[in-house]
């Protein structure tokens, strides 16, 4: 909710960050769907992992990751 987000952002207010830096952190903490996703199937034909690219930096990510290892973008995986 917006009130929760406002409360979380208050923690950034006294860090000396510019408004642009705070906005960048907000964007990175907003879960985004990876792009070019593909489900990997096991021997029985069931998808066990989804792989794709981070929509922020393009690095490889998989559905066991909550954040991109390279840029820290929060990832949004859906069934």
PDB file of N, CA and C in Angstrom:
ATOM      1  N   UNK A   1       0.839  -1.193   0.000  1.00  0.00           N
ATOM      2  CA  UNK A   1       0.000   0.000   0.000  1.00  0.00           C
ATOM      3  C   UNK A   1       0.876   1.246   0.000  1.00  0.00           C
ATOM      4  N   UNK A   2       0.266   2.355  -0.359  1.00  0.00           N
ATOM      5  CA  UNK A   2       1.029   3.599  -0.449  1.00  0.00           C
ATOM      6  C   UNK A   2       1.531   4.067   0.915  1.00  0.00           C
ATOM      7  N   UNK A   3       0.747   3.852   1.976  1.00  0.00           N
ATOM      8  CA  UNK A   3       1.202   4.288   3.298  1.00  0.00           C
ATOM      9  C   UNK A   3       2.419   3.490   3.750  1.00  0.00           C
ATOM     10  N   UNK A   4       2.439   2.178   3.443  1.00  0.00           N
ATOM     11  CA  UNK A   4       3.607   1.357   3.780  1.00  0.00           C
ATOM     12  C   UNK A   4       4.835   1.853   3.035  1.00  0.00           C
ATOM     13  N   UNK A   5       4.663   2.169   1.751  1.00  0.00           N
ATOM     14  CA  UNK A   5       5.768   2.661   0.939  1.00  0.00           C
ATOM     15  C   UNK A   5       6.296   3.982   1.496  1.00  0.00           C
ATOM     16  N   UNK A   6       5.369   4.878   1.880  1.00  0.00           N
ATOM     17  CA  UNK A   6       5.801   6.166   2.445  1.00  0.00           C
ATOM     18  C   UNK A   6       6.604   5.965   3.721  1.00  0.00           C
ATOM     19  N   UNK A   7       6.163   5.024   4.550  1.00  0.00           N
ATOM     20  CA  UNK A   7       6.892   4.747   5.792  1.00  0.00           C
ATOM     21  C   UNK A   7       8.291   4.222   5.489  1.00  0.00           C
ATOM     22  N   UNK A   8       8.392   3.321   4.505  1.00  0.00           N
ATOM     23  CA  UNK A   8       9.700   2.777   4.149  1.00  0.00           C
ATOM     24  C   UNK A   8      10.607   3.849   3.564  1.00  0.00           C
ATOM     25  N   UNK A   9      10.021   4.785   2.808  1.00  0.00           N
ATOM     26  CA  UNK A   9      10.829   5.833   2.197  1.00  0.00           C
ATOM     27  C   UNK A   9      11.353   6.837   3.220  1.00  0.00           C
ATOM     28  N   UNK A  10      10.653   6.988   4.353  1.00  0.00           N
ATOM     29  CA  UNK A  10      11.137   7.904   5.383  1.00  0.00           C
ATOM     30  C   UNK A  10      12.533   7.524   5.850  1.00  0.00           C
ATOM     31  N   UNK A  11      12.838   6.231   5.798  1.00  0.00           N
ATOM     32  CA  UNK A  11      14.159   5.763   6.216  1.00  0.00           C
ATOM     33  C   UNK A  11      15.258   6.311   5.312  1.00  0.00           C
ATOM     34  N   UNK A  12      14.913   6.651   4.072  1.00  0.00           N
ATOM     35  CA  UNK A  12      15.905   7.181   3.135  1.00  0.00           C
ATOM     36  C   UNK A  12      16.097   8.694   3.272  1.00  0.00           C
ATOM     37  N   UNK A  13      15.162   9.386   3.902  1.00  0.00           N
ATOM     38  CA  UNK A  13      15.148  10.844   3.860  1.00  0.00           C
ATOM     39  C   UNK A  13      16.400  11.489   4.446  1.00  0.00           C
ATOM     40  N   UNK A  14      16.960  10.909   5.484  1.00  0.00           N
ATOM     41  CA  UNK A  14      18.108  11.528   6.144  1.00  0.00           C
ATOM     42  C   UNK A  14      19.429  10.870   5.774  1.00  0.00           C
ATOM     43  N   UNK A  15      19.503  10.278   4.596  1.00  0.00           N
ATOM     44  CA  UNK A  15      20.717   9.565   4.197  1.00  0.00           C
ATOM     45  C   UNK A  15      21.643  10.428   3.362  1.00  0.00           C
ATOM     46  N   UNK A  16      21.191  11.617   2.979  1.00  0.00           N
ATOM     47  CA  UNK A  16      22.009  12.466   2.127  1.00  0.00           C
ATOM     48  C   UNK A  16      21.897  12.122   0.659  1.00  0.00           C
ATOM     49  N   UNK A  17      20.987  11.239   0.309  1.00  0.00           N
ATOM     50  CA  UNK A  17      20.795  10.873  -1.091  1.00  0.00           C
ATOM     51  C   UNK A  17      20.019  11.969  -1.819  1.00  0.00           C
ATOM     52  N   UNK A  18      20.316  12.126  -3.094  1.00  0.00           N
ATOM     53  CA  UNK A  18      19.567  13.083  -3.900  1.00  0.00           C
ATOM     54  C   UNK A  18      18.185  12.499  -4.186  1.00  0.00           C
ATOM     55  N   UNK A  19      17.204  13.331  -4.537  1.00  0.00           N
ATOM     56  CA  UNK A  19      15.886  12.790  -4.900  1.00  0.00           C
ATOM     57  C   UNK A  19      15.971  11.775  -6.041  1.00  0.00           C
ATOM     58  N   UNK A  20      16.906  11.999  -6.971  1.00  0.00           N
ATOM     59  CA  UNK A  20      17.072  11.054  -8.077  1.00  0.00           C
ATOM     60  C   UNK A  20      17.561   9.698  -7.582  1.00  0.00           C
ATOM     61  N   UNK A  21      18.497   9.714  -6.623  1.00  0.00           N
ATOM     62  CA  UNK A  21      19.014   8.460  -6.075  1.00  0.00           C
ATOM     63  C   UNK A  21      17.921   7.716  -5.303  1.00  0.00           C
ATOM     64  N   UNK A  22      17.111   8.472  -4.555  1.00  0.00           N
ATOM     65  CA  UNK A  22      16.008   7.854  -3.820  1.00  0.00           C
ATOM     66  C   UNK A  22      15.025   7.224  -4.810  1.00  0.00           C
ATOM     67  N   UNK A  23      14.725   7.938  -5.906  1.00  0.00           N
ATOM     68  CA  UNK A  23      13.818   7.407  -6.929  1.00  0.00           C
ATOM     69  C   UNK A  23      14.382   6.133  -7.547  1.00  0.00           C
ATOM     70  N   UNK A  24      15.695   6.125  -7.800  1.00  0.00           N
ATOM     71  CA  UNK A  24      16.333   4.938  -8.371  1.00  0.00           C
ATOM     72  C   UNK A  24      16.200   3.746  -7.423  1.00  0.00           C
ATOM     73  N   UNK A  25      16.376   3.992  -6.129  1.00  0.00           N
ATOM     74  CA  UNK A  25      16.227   2.914  -5.150  1.00  0.00           C
ATOM     75  C   UNK A  25      14.783   2.414  -5.109  1.00  0.00           C
ATOM     76  N   UNK A  26      13.819   3.335  -5.191  1.00  0.00           N
ATOM     77  CA  UNK A  26      12.405   2.944  -5.211  1.00  0.00           C
ATOM     78  C   UNK A  26      12.121   2.075  -6.420  1.00  0.00           C
ATOM     79  N   UNK A  27      12.649   2.474  -7.584  1.00  0.00           N
ATOM     80  CA  UNK A  27      12.434   1.703  -8.811  1.00  0.00           C
ATOM     81  C   UNK A  27      13.037   0.306  -8.685  1.00  0.00           C
ATOM     82  N   UNK A  28      14.226   0.229  -8.129  1.00  0.00           N
ATOM     83  CA  UNK A  28      14.912  -1.055  -8.011  1.00  0.00           C
ATOM     84  C   UNK A  28      14.201  -1.971  -7.024  1.00  0.00           C
ATOM     85  N   UNK A  29      13.514  -1.369  -6.033  1.00  0.00           N
ATOM     86  CA  UNK A  29      12.811  -2.168  -5.028  1.00  0.00           C
ATOM     87  C   UNK A  29      11.399  -2.529  -5.483  1.00  0.00           C
ATOM     88  N   UNK A  30      10.961  -2.007  -6.619  1.00  0.00           N
ATOM     89  CA  UNK A  30       9.662  -2.365  -7.180  1.00  0.00           C
ATOM     90  C   UNK A  30       9.863  -3.607  -8.038  1.00  0.00           C
ATOM     91  N   UNK A  31       9.203  -4.699  -7.668  1.00  0.00           N
ATOM     92  CA  UNK A  31       9.390  -5.974  -8.376  1.00  0.00           C
ATOM     93  C   UNK A  31       9.002  -5.837  -9.842  1.00  0.00           C
ATOM     94  N   UNK A  32       9.912  -6.276 -10.714  1.00  0.00           N
ATOM     95  CA  UNK A  32       9.673  -6.237 -12.155  1.00  0.00           C
ATOM     96  C   UNK A  32       9.842  -7.626 -12.744  1.00  0.00           C
ATOM     97  N   UNK A  33       8.984  -7.932 -13.719  1.00  0.00           N
ATOM     98  CA  UNK A  33       9.050  -9.231 -14.378  1.00  0.00           C
ATOM     99  C   UNK A  33      10.290  -9.311 -15.255  1.00  0.00           C
ATOM    100  N   UNK A  34      11.025 -10.413 -15.162  1.00  0.00           N
ATOM    101  CA  UNK A  34      12.146 -10.620 -16.078  1.00  0.00           C
ATOM    102  C   UNK A  34      11.634 -10.744 -17.514  1.00  0.00           C
ATOM    103  N   UNK A  35      12.533 -10.544 -18.463  1.00  0.00           N
ATOM    104  CA  UNK A  35      12.167 -10.637 -19.875  1.00  0.00           C
ATOM    105  C   UNK A  35      12.778 -11.889 -20.495  1.00  0.00           C
ATOM    106  N   UNK A  36      12.263 -12.252 -21.665  1.00  0.00           N
ATOM    107  CA  UNK A  36      12.764 -13.420 -22.409  1.00  0.00           C
ATOM    108  C   UNK A  36      12.783 -14.664 -21.522  1.00  0.00           C
ATOM    109  N   UNK A  37      11.704 -14.872 -20.778  1.00  0.00           N
ATOM    110  CA  UNK A  37      11.664 -16.010 -19.859  1.00  0.00           C
ATOM    111  C   UNK A  37      11.367 -17.316 -20.584  1.00  0.00           C
ATOM    112  N   UNK A  38      11.874 -18.385 -20.006  1.00  0.00           N
ATOM    113  CA  UNK A  38      11.692 -19.723 -20.561  1.00  0.00           C
ATOM    114  C   UNK A  38      11.668 -20.715 -19.408  1.00  0.00           C
ATOM    115  N   UNK A  39      10.674 -21.595 -19.416  1.00  0.00           N
ATOM    116  CA  UNK A  39      10.593 -22.620 -18.383  1.00  0.00           C
ATOM    117  C   UNK A  39      11.452 -23.814 -18.731  1.00  0.00           C
ATOM    118  N   UNK A  40      12.222 -24.263 -17.759  1.00  0.00           N
ATOM    119  CA  UNK A  40      13.033 -25.470 -17.951  1.00  0.00           C
ATOM    120  C   UNK A  40      12.263 -26.646 -17.367  1.00  0.00           C
ATOM    121  N   UNK A  41      12.151 -27.727 -18.135  1.00  0.00           N
ATOM    122  CA  UNK A  41      11.364 -28.885 -17.705  1.00  0.00           C
ATOM    123  C   UNK A  41      12.264 -30.033 -17.258  1.00  0.00           C
ATOM    124  N   UNK A  42      11.754 -30.770 -16.280  1.00  0.00           N
ATOM    125  CA  UNK A  42      12.479 -31.952 -15.814  1.00  0.00           C
ATOM    126  C   UNK A  42      12.101 -33.160 -16.673  1.00  0.00           C
ATOM    127  N   UNK A  43      12.583 -34.312 -16.302  1.00  0.00           N
ATOM    128  CA  UNK A  43      12.355 -35.550 -17.049  1.00  0.00           C
ATOM    129  C   UNK A  43      10.875 -35.858 -17.249  1.00  0.00           C
ATOM    130  N   UNK A  44      10.038 -35.445 -16.270  1.00  0.00           N
ATOM    131  CA  UNK A  44       8.600 -35.726 -16.326  1.00  0.00           C
ATOM    132  C   UNK A  44       7.824 -34.643 -17.084  1.00  0.00           C
ATOM    133  N   UNK A  45       8.521 -33.642 -17.582  1.00  0.00           N
ATOM    134  CA  UNK A  45       7.852 -32.589 -18.332  1.00  0.00           C
ATOM    135  C   UNK A  45       7.314 -31.459 -17.483  1.00  0.00           C
ATOM    136  N   UNK A  46       7.656 -31.444 -16.198  1.00  0.00           N
ATOM    137  CA  UNK A  46       7.199 -30.375 -15.312  1.00  0.00           C
ATOM    138  C   UNK A  46       8.239 -29.260 -15.263  1.00  0.00           C
ATOM    139  N   UNK A  47       7.772 -28.023 -15.297  1.00  0.00           N
ATOM    140  CA  UNK A  47       8.698 -26.893 -15.198  1.00  0.00           C
ATOM    141  C   UNK A  47       9.222 -26.814 -13.768  1.00  0.00           C
ATOM    142  N   UNK A  48      10.531 -26.858 -13.627  1.00  0.00           N
ATOM    143  CA  UNK A  48      11.137 -26.796 -12.299  1.00  0.00           C
ATOM    144  C   UNK A  48      11.837 -25.461 -12.049  1.00  0.00           C
ATOM    145  N   UNK A  49      12.115 -24.735 -13.111  1.00  0.00           N
ATOM    146  CA  UNK A  49      12.793 -23.452 -12.950  1.00  0.00           C
ATOM    147  C   UNK A  49      12.510 -22.615 -14.186  1.00  0.00           C
ATOM    148  N   UNK A  50      12.360 -21.313 -13.972  1.00  0.00           N
ATOM    149  CA  UNK A  50      12.185 -20.392 -15.088  1.00  0.00           C
ATOM    150  C   UNK A  50      13.445 -19.533 -15.155  1.00  0.00           C
ATOM    151  N   UNK A  51      13.975 -19.378 -16.350  1.00  0.00           N
ATOM    152  CA  UNK A  51      15.153 -18.537 -16.546  1.00  0.00           C
ATOM    153  C   UNK A  51      14.767 -17.377 -17.448  1.00  0.00           C
ATOM    154  N   UNK A  52      15.517 -16.291 -17.344  1.00  0.00           N
ATOM    155  CA  UNK A  52      15.250 -15.127 -18.175  1.00  0.00           C
ATOM    156  C   UNK A  52      16.330 -14.092 -17.977  1.00  0.00           C
ATOM    157  N   UNK A  53      15.997 -12.854 -18.355  1.00  0.00           N
ATOM    158  CA  UNK A  53      16.933 -11.742 -18.213  1.00  0.00           C
ATOM    159  C   UNK A  53      16.311 -10.675 -17.332  1.00  0.00           C
ATOM    160  N   UNK A  54      17.141 -10.057 -16.510  1.00  0.00           N
ATOM    161  CA  UNK A  54      16.696  -8.938 -15.679  1.00  0.00           C
ATOM    162  C   UNK A  54      16.231  -7.808 -16.605  1.00  0.00           C
ATOM    163  N   UNK A  55      15.031  -7.282 -16.345  1.00  0.00           N
ATOM    164  CA  UNK A  55      14.506  -6.203 -17.191  1.00  0.00           C
ATOM    165  C   UNK A  55      15.234  -4.884 -16.947  1.00  0.00           C
ATOM    166  N   UNK A  56      16.027  -4.816 -15.889  1.00  0.00           N
ATOM    167  CA  UNK A  56      16.775  -3.594 -15.589  1.00  0.00           C
ATOM    168  C   UNK A  56      18.152  -3.591 -16.244  1.00  0.00           C
ATOM    169  N   UNK A  57      18.898  -4.725 -16.122  1.00  0.00           N
ATOM    170  CA  UNK A  57      20.285  -4.723 -16.614  1.00  0.00           C
ATOM    171  C   UNK A  57      20.572  -5.785 -17.672  1.00  0.00           C
ATOM    172  N   UNK A  58      19.637  -6.726 -17.884  1.00  0.00           N
ATOM    173  CA  UNK A  58      19.819  -7.733 -18.918  1.00  0.00           C
ATOM    174  C   UNK A  58      20.599  -8.969 -18.502  1.00  0.00           C
ATOM    175  N   UNK A  59      21.043  -9.036 -17.251  1.00  0.00           N
ATOM    176  CA  UNK A  59      21.795 -10.211 -16.805  1.00  0.00           C
ATOM    177  C   UNK A  59      20.865 -11.404 -16.609  1.00  0.00           C
ATOM    178  N   UNK A  60      21.440 -12.591 -16.657  1.00  0.00           N
ATOM    179  CA  UNK A  60      20.669 -13.811 -16.483  1.00  0.00           C
ATOM    180  C   UNK A  60      20.157 -13.960 -15.063  1.00  0.00           C
ATOM    181  N   UNK A  61      18.871 -14.321 -14.941  1.00  0.00           N
ATOM    182  CA  UNK A  61      18.237 -14.558 -13.641  1.00  0.00           C
ATOM    183  C   UNK A  61      17.419 -15.838 -13.736  1.00  0.00           C
ATOM    184  N   UNK A  62      17.076 -16.406 -12.567  1.00  0.00           N
ATOM    185  CA  UNK A  62      16.196 -17.578 -12.560  1.00  0.00           C
ATOM    186  C   UNK A  62      15.213 -17.455 -11.403  1.00  0.00           C
ATOM    187  N   UNK A  63      14.171 -18.296 -11.454  1.00  0.00           N
ATOM    188  CA  UNK A  63      13.055 -18.171 -10.522  1.00  0.00           C
ATOM    189  C   UNK A  63      13.398 -18.535  -9.078  1.00  0.00           C
ATOM    190  N   UNK A  64      14.623 -18.939  -8.800  1.00  0.00           N
ATOM    191  CA  UNK A  64      15.043 -19.153  -7.424  1.00  0.00           C
ATOM    192  C   UNK A  64      15.597 -17.862  -6.819  1.00  0.00           C
ATOM    193  N   UNK A  65      15.683 -16.810  -7.625  1.00  0.00           N
ATOM    194  CA  UNK A  65      16.260 -15.531  -7.186  1.00  0.00           C
ATOM    195  C   UNK A  65      15.153 -14.509  -6.912  1.00  0.00           C
ATOM    196  N   UNK A  66      15.263 -13.812  -5.784  1.00  0.00           N
ATOM    197  CA  UNK A  66      14.331 -12.722  -5.483  1.00  0.00           C
ATOM    198  C   UNK A  66      14.849 -11.393  -6.025  1.00  0.00           C
ATOM    199  N   UNK A  67      16.169 -11.308  -6.203  1.00  0.00           N
ATOM    200  CA  UNK A  67      16.819 -10.089  -6.684  1.00  0.00           C
ATOM    201  C   UNK A  67      17.849 -10.466  -7.736  1.00  0.00           C
ATOM    202  N   UNK A  68      18.106  -9.559  -8.672  1.00  0.00           N
ATOM    203  CA  UNK A  68      19.178  -9.756  -9.640  1.00  0.00           C
ATOM    204  C   UNK A  68      20.511  -9.680  -8.903  1.00  0.00           C
ATOM    205  N   UNK A  69      21.375 -10.649  -9.136  1.00  0.00           N
ATOM    206  CA  UNK A  69      22.686 -10.662  -8.483  1.00  0.00           C
ATOM    207  C   UNK A  69      23.559  -9.493  -8.926  1.00  0.00           C
ATOM    208  N   UNK A  70      23.331  -8.995 -10.120  1.00  0.00           N
ATOM    209  CA  UNK A  70      24.203  -7.948 -10.652  1.00  0.00           C
ATOM    210  C   UNK A  70      23.777  -6.542 -10.216  1.00  0.00           C
ATOM    211  N   UNK A  71      22.500  -6.193 -10.432  1.00  0.00           N
ATOM    212  CA  UNK A  71      22.078  -4.806 -10.171  1.00  0.00           C
ATOM    213  C   UNK A  71      21.180  -4.651  -8.949  1.00  0.00           C
ATOM    214  N   UNK A  72      20.708  -5.750  -8.377  1.00  0.00           N
ATOM    215  CA  UNK A  72      19.869  -5.670  -7.182  1.00  0.00           C
ATOM    216  C   UNK A  72      18.389  -5.440  -7.448  1.00  0.00           C
ATOM    217  N   UNK A  73      17.978  -5.480  -8.711  1.00  0.00           N
ATOM    218  CA  UNK A  73      16.569  -5.281  -9.048  1.00  0.00           C
ATOM    219  C   UNK A  73      15.723  -6.377  -8.403  1.00  0.00           C
ATOM    220  N   UNK A  74      14.646  -5.968  -7.718  1.00  0.00           N
ATOM    221  CA  UNK A  74      13.715  -6.953  -7.162  1.00  0.00           C
ATOM    222  C   UNK A  74      12.975  -7.608  -8.325  1.00  0.00           C
ATOM    223  N   UNK A  75      12.879  -8.935  -8.296  1.00  0.00           N
ATOM    224  CA  UNK A  75      12.271  -9.685  -9.395  1.00  0.00           C
ATOM    225  C   UNK A  75      10.859 -10.146  -9.048  1.00  0.00           C
ATOM    226  N   UNK A  76      10.019 -10.188 -10.054  1.00  0.00           N
ATOM    227  CA  UNK A  76       8.623 -10.616  -9.885  1.00  0.00           C
ATOM    228  C   UNK A  76       8.398 -11.852 -10.748  1.00  0.00           C
ATOM    229  N   UNK A  77       8.270 -13.002 -10.084  1.00  0.00           N
ATOM    230  CA  UNK A  77       8.041 -14.268 -10.790  1.00  0.00           C
ATOM    231  C   UNK A  77       6.596 -14.657 -10.602  1.00  0.00           C
ATOM    232  N   UNK A  78       5.946 -15.078 -11.687  1.00  0.00           N
ATOM    233  CA  UNK A  78       4.550 -15.503 -11.606  1.00  0.00           C
ATOM    234  C   UNK A  78       4.426 -16.898 -12.167  1.00  0.00           C
ATOM    235  N   UNK A  79       3.476 -17.642 -11.632  1.00  0.00           N
ATOM    236  CA  UNK A  79       3.259 -19.029 -12.063  1.00  0.00           C
ATOM    237  C   UNK A  79       2.746 -19.058 -13.499  1.00  0.00           C
TER     238      UNK A  79
END
